């Protein structure tokens, strides 16, 4: 399940960046909304999957409420899911 959550989180981060960097300029500067509609739908499904999986992972990894909230906020910040992956999902070495 952890591997699946990592994959979804990376895909969600990539789709958010794709929306912001590629499809939004196409929509507003070149009057081409089609890529934004397509990627927006994909991003929406990935976002929902990310949130559901974050709650599941929070329970299985026994995250505190603060950690769960940080992981959820990372989904709306560009590059946030990549940072979250390194901070909370990588094995900790002591």
N, C-alpha and C. Protein backbone atom coordinates (compact mmCIF):
# COMPACT_ATOMS: atom_id res chain seq x y z
N UNK A 1 0.82 -1.19 0.00
CA UNK A 1 0.00 0.00 0.00
C UNK A 1 0.87 1.27 0.00
N UNK A 2 2.00 1.22 0.71
CA UNK A 2 2.89 2.37 0.75
C UNK A 2 3.42 2.69 -0.64
N UNK A 3 3.79 1.67 -1.38
CA UNK A 3 4.30 1.88 -2.75
C UNK A 3 3.23 2.52 -3.64
N UNK A 4 2.00 2.07 -3.50
CA UNK A 4 0.89 2.62 -4.29
C UNK A 4 0.67 4.09 -3.93
N UNK A 5 0.72 4.41 -2.63
CA UNK A 5 0.55 5.79 -2.19
C UNK A 5 1.68 6.67 -2.74
N UNK A 6 2.91 6.15 -2.74
CA UNK A 6 4.03 6.91 -3.29
C UNK A 6 3.83 7.20 -4.77
N UNK A 7 3.36 6.21 -5.51
CA UNK A 7 3.11 6.39 -6.95
C UNK A 7 2.03 7.43 -7.17
N UNK A 8 0.93 7.33 -6.43
CA UNK A 8 -0.18 8.29 -6.57
C UNK A 8 0.29 9.69 -6.20
N UNK A 9 1.09 9.80 -5.14
CA UNK A 9 1.54 11.13 -4.72
C UNK A 9 2.44 11.77 -5.78
N UNK A 10 3.31 11.00 -6.38
CA UNK A 10 4.19 11.53 -7.44
C UNK A 10 3.36 11.93 -8.67
N UNK A 11 2.43 11.07 -9.06
CA UNK A 11 1.57 11.40 -10.21
C UNK A 11 0.71 12.63 -9.94
N UNK A 12 0.22 12.76 -8.70
CA UNK A 12 -0.59 13.92 -8.34
C UNK A 12 0.25 15.19 -8.43
N UNK A 13 1.49 15.12 -7.94
CA UNK A 13 2.38 16.27 -8.02
C UNK A 13 2.71 16.65 -9.46
N UNK A 14 2.95 15.66 -10.29
CA UNK A 14 3.25 15.92 -11.70
C UNK A 14 2.03 16.53 -12.40
N UNK A 15 0.85 16.01 -12.09
CA UNK A 15 -0.36 16.55 -12.74
C UNK A 15 -0.62 17.99 -12.30
N UNK A 16 -0.36 18.32 -11.03
CA UNK A 16 -0.52 19.70 -10.59
C UNK A 16 0.45 20.62 -11.31
N UNK A 17 1.70 20.20 -11.41
CA UNK A 17 2.67 21.02 -12.13
C UNK A 17 2.31 21.14 -13.61
N UNK A 18 1.81 20.05 -14.19
CA UNK A 18 1.38 20.11 -15.59
C UNK A 18 0.25 21.10 -15.79
N UNK A 19 -0.68 21.12 -14.84
CA UNK A 19 -1.77 22.10 -14.93
C UNK A 19 -1.23 23.53 -14.86
N UNK A 20 -0.38 23.78 -13.90
CA UNK A 20 0.10 25.14 -13.68
C UNK A 20 1.06 25.62 -14.77
N UNK A 21 1.92 24.74 -15.25
CA UNK A 21 2.99 25.16 -16.15
C UNK A 21 2.63 25.00 -17.63
N UNK A 22 1.83 23.99 -17.94
CA UNK A 22 1.56 23.70 -19.36
C UNK A 22 0.14 24.10 -19.77
N UNK A 23 -0.86 23.53 -19.10
CA UNK A 23 -2.22 23.70 -19.61
C UNK A 23 -2.84 25.05 -19.28
N UNK A 24 -2.49 25.66 -18.15
CA UNK A 24 -3.05 26.98 -17.84
C UNK A 24 -2.56 28.04 -18.84
N UNK A 25 -1.26 28.07 -19.17
CA UNK A 25 -0.85 29.02 -20.22
C UNK A 25 -1.53 28.73 -21.56
N UNK A 26 -1.70 27.45 -21.90
CA UNK A 26 -2.39 27.12 -23.15
C UNK A 26 -3.82 27.66 -23.14
N UNK A 27 -4.46 27.53 -22.00
CA UNK A 27 -5.86 27.97 -21.89
C UNK A 27 -5.98 29.49 -21.97
N UNK A 28 -5.15 30.20 -21.22
CA UNK A 28 -5.34 31.64 -21.11
C UNK A 28 -4.56 32.46 -22.13
N UNK A 29 -3.42 31.98 -22.59
CA UNK A 29 -2.65 32.76 -23.56
C UNK A 29 -2.93 32.36 -25.00
N UNK A 30 -3.28 31.09 -25.21
CA UNK A 30 -3.49 30.61 -26.58
C UNK A 30 -4.92 30.17 -26.84
N UNK A 31 -5.81 30.42 -25.88
CA UNK A 31 -7.24 30.13 -26.03
C UNK A 31 -7.49 28.68 -26.44
N UNK A 32 -6.81 27.76 -25.75
CA UNK A 32 -6.95 26.33 -26.03
C UNK A 32 -7.27 25.61 -24.71
N UNK A 33 -8.55 25.49 -24.35
CA UNK A 33 -8.91 24.90 -23.05
C UNK A 33 -8.92 23.37 -23.03
N UNK A 34 -8.81 22.71 -24.16
CA UNK A 34 -8.93 21.25 -24.20
C UNK A 34 -7.90 20.52 -23.33
N UNK A 35 -6.61 20.86 -23.41
CA UNK A 35 -5.66 20.15 -22.55
C UNK A 35 -5.94 20.37 -21.06
N UNK A 36 -6.40 21.57 -20.71
CA UNK A 36 -6.70 21.87 -19.32
C UNK A 36 -7.89 21.03 -18.83
N UNK A 37 -8.88 20.84 -19.66
CA UNK A 37 -10.03 20.03 -19.27
C UNK A 37 -9.61 18.58 -19.07
N UNK A 38 -8.80 18.06 -19.96
CA UNK A 38 -8.36 16.67 -19.87
C UNK A 38 -7.47 16.45 -18.65
N UNK A 39 -6.42 17.27 -18.53
CA UNK A 39 -5.51 17.10 -17.40
C UNK A 39 -6.18 17.47 -16.08
N UNK A 40 -7.10 18.40 -16.12
CA UNK A 40 -7.85 18.75 -14.91
C UNK A 40 -8.65 17.58 -14.38
N UNK A 41 -9.25 16.81 -15.27
CA UNK A 41 -10.01 15.63 -14.84
C UNK A 41 -9.08 14.57 -14.25
N UNK A 42 -7.97 14.34 -14.90
CA UNK A 42 -6.99 13.37 -14.39
C UNK A 42 -6.46 13.83 -13.03
N UNK A 43 -6.12 15.10 -12.92
CA UNK A 43 -5.61 15.63 -11.66
C UNK A 43 -6.66 15.50 -10.55
N UNK A 44 -7.90 15.77 -10.87
CA UNK A 44 -8.97 15.64 -9.88
C UNK A 44 -9.09 14.22 -9.34
N UNK A 45 -9.02 13.25 -10.22
CA UNK A 45 -9.09 11.85 -9.77
C UNK A 45 -7.87 11.48 -8.94
N UNK A 46 -6.69 11.93 -9.35
CA UNK A 46 -5.47 11.66 -8.59
C UNK A 46 -5.51 12.35 -7.22
N UNK A 47 -6.06 13.56 -7.18
CA UNK A 47 -6.17 14.29 -5.92
C UNK A 47 -7.08 13.55 -4.94
N UNK A 48 -8.21 13.09 -5.42
CA UNK A 48 -9.14 12.34 -4.55
C UNK A 48 -8.47 11.06 -4.06
N UNK A 49 -7.79 10.35 -4.96
CA UNK A 49 -7.09 9.13 -4.55
C UNK A 49 -6.01 9.45 -3.52
N UNK A 50 -5.30 10.55 -3.71
CA UNK A 50 -4.25 10.96 -2.77
C UNK A 50 -4.83 11.21 -1.38
N UNK A 51 -5.93 11.94 -1.31
CA UNK A 51 -6.53 12.27 -0.01
C UNK A 51 -7.02 11.00 0.69
N UNK A 52 -7.71 10.13 -0.04
CA UNK A 52 -8.20 8.89 0.56
C UNK A 52 -7.04 8.04 1.04
N UNK A 53 -6.02 7.90 0.20
CA UNK A 53 -4.86 7.10 0.59
C UNK A 53 -4.07 7.73 1.73
N UNK A 54 -4.06 9.06 1.82
CA UNK A 54 -3.38 9.71 2.94
C UNK A 54 -4.04 9.34 4.26
N UNK A 55 -5.36 9.30 4.29
CA UNK A 55 -6.05 8.89 5.51
C UNK A 55 -5.76 7.42 5.84
N UNK A 56 -5.76 6.58 4.82
CA UNK A 56 -5.45 5.16 5.05
C UNK A 56 -4.02 5.00 5.55
N UNK A 57 -3.08 5.68 4.92
CA UNK A 57 -1.68 5.58 5.34
C UNK A 57 -1.47 6.19 6.71
N UNK A 58 -2.18 7.27 7.00
CA UNK A 58 -2.08 7.88 8.31
C UNK A 58 -2.47 6.93 9.42
N UNK A 59 -3.50 6.18 9.15
CA UNK A 59 -3.95 5.20 10.15
C UNK A 59 -2.95 4.05 10.26
N UNK A 60 -2.49 3.53 9.12
CA UNK A 60 -1.60 2.36 9.17
C UNK A 60 -0.20 2.72 9.69
N UNK A 61 0.27 3.94 9.42
CA UNK A 61 1.59 4.35 9.90
C UNK A 61 1.52 5.10 11.23
N UNK A 62 0.31 5.22 11.76
CA UNK A 62 0.09 5.87 13.06
C UNK A 62 0.63 7.30 13.08
N UNK A 63 0.27 8.06 12.03
CA UNK A 63 0.65 9.46 11.98
C UNK A 63 -0.15 10.25 12.98
N UNK A 64 0.44 11.31 13.51
CA UNK A 64 -0.31 12.23 14.36
C UNK A 64 -1.24 13.06 13.46
N UNK A 65 -2.16 13.76 14.08
CA UNK A 65 -3.07 14.62 13.31
C UNK A 65 -2.27 15.70 12.59
N UNK A 66 -1.25 16.23 13.25
CA UNK A 66 -0.40 17.25 12.63
C UNK A 66 0.28 16.72 11.37
N UNK A 67 0.83 15.52 11.44
CA UNK A 67 1.49 14.92 10.28
C UNK A 67 0.50 14.70 9.15
N UNK A 68 -0.69 14.19 9.48
CA UNK A 68 -1.71 13.97 8.45
C UNK A 68 -2.09 15.29 7.79
N UNK A 69 -2.25 16.34 8.56
CA UNK A 69 -2.60 17.64 7.98
C UNK A 69 -1.49 18.17 7.08
N UNK A 70 -0.25 17.97 7.49
CA UNK A 70 0.89 18.40 6.64
C UNK A 70 0.88 17.64 5.32
N UNK A 71 0.65 16.33 5.39
CA UNK A 71 0.61 15.50 4.18
C UNK A 71 -0.53 15.95 3.28
N UNK A 72 -1.68 16.29 3.86
CA UNK A 72 -2.82 16.75 3.05
C UNK A 72 -2.54 18.12 2.43
N UNK A 73 -1.94 19.03 3.17
CA UNK A 73 -1.63 20.36 2.63
C UNK A 73 -0.61 20.26 1.50
N UNK A 74 0.29 19.29 1.60
CA UNK A 74 1.30 19.11 0.55
C UNK A 74 0.67 18.84 -0.82
N UNK A 75 -0.55 18.36 -0.84
CA UNK A 75 -1.19 18.04 -2.12
C UNK A 75 -1.64 19.28 -2.88
N UNK A 76 -1.70 20.44 -2.21
CA UNK A 76 -2.15 21.65 -2.90
C UNK A 76 -1.02 22.65 -3.13
N UNK A 77 0.18 22.29 -2.71
CA UNK A 77 1.35 23.16 -2.89
C UNK A 77 2.21 22.57 -4.01
N UNK A 78 2.58 23.38 -5.01
CA UNK A 78 3.47 22.85 -6.05
C UNK A 78 4.75 22.29 -5.43
N UNK A 79 5.14 21.13 -5.88
CA UNK A 79 6.30 20.38 -5.39
C UNK A 79 6.09 19.82 -3.98
N UNK A 80 4.93 20.03 -3.38
CA UNK A 80 4.67 19.57 -2.03
C UNK A 80 4.68 18.06 -1.90
N UNK A 81 4.12 17.37 -2.87
CA UNK A 81 4.08 15.91 -2.76
C UNK A 81 5.47 15.29 -2.89
N UNK A 82 6.36 15.95 -3.62
CA UNK A 82 7.72 15.44 -3.74
C UNK A 82 8.46 15.59 -2.41
N UNK A 83 8.28 16.73 -1.76
CA UNK A 83 8.88 16.96 -0.44
C UNK A 83 8.29 15.98 0.58
N UNK A 84 6.98 15.80 0.53
CA UNK A 84 6.31 14.89 1.45
C UNK A 84 6.83 13.47 1.29
N UNK A 85 7.07 13.06 0.07
CA UNK A 85 7.60 11.72 -0.17
C UNK A 85 8.96 11.55 0.52
N UNK A 86 9.82 12.53 0.37
CA UNK A 86 11.15 12.44 0.99
C UNK A 86 11.08 12.52 2.51
N UNK A 87 10.18 13.36 3.02
CA UNK A 87 10.12 13.61 4.46
C UNK A 87 9.39 12.51 5.23
N UNK A 88 8.27 12.02 4.69
CA UNK A 88 7.40 11.13 5.47
C UNK A 88 7.32 9.70 4.95
N UNK A 89 7.72 9.45 3.72
CA UNK A 89 7.54 8.10 3.16
C UNK A 89 8.84 7.35 2.95
N UNK A 90 9.98 8.02 3.02
CA UNK A 90 11.25 7.33 2.87
C UNK A 90 11.64 6.69 4.20
N UNK A 91 12.30 5.54 4.16
CA UNK A 91 12.76 4.93 5.41
C UNK A 91 13.72 5.87 6.15
N UNK A 92 13.51 6.01 7.43
CA UNK A 92 14.36 6.87 8.24
C UNK A 92 15.58 6.10 8.70
N UNK A 93 16.75 6.69 8.52
CA UNK A 93 17.98 6.06 9.01
C UNK A 93 18.42 6.83 10.25
N UNK A 94 18.78 6.09 11.27
CA UNK A 94 19.18 6.74 12.52
C UNK A 94 20.64 6.45 12.79
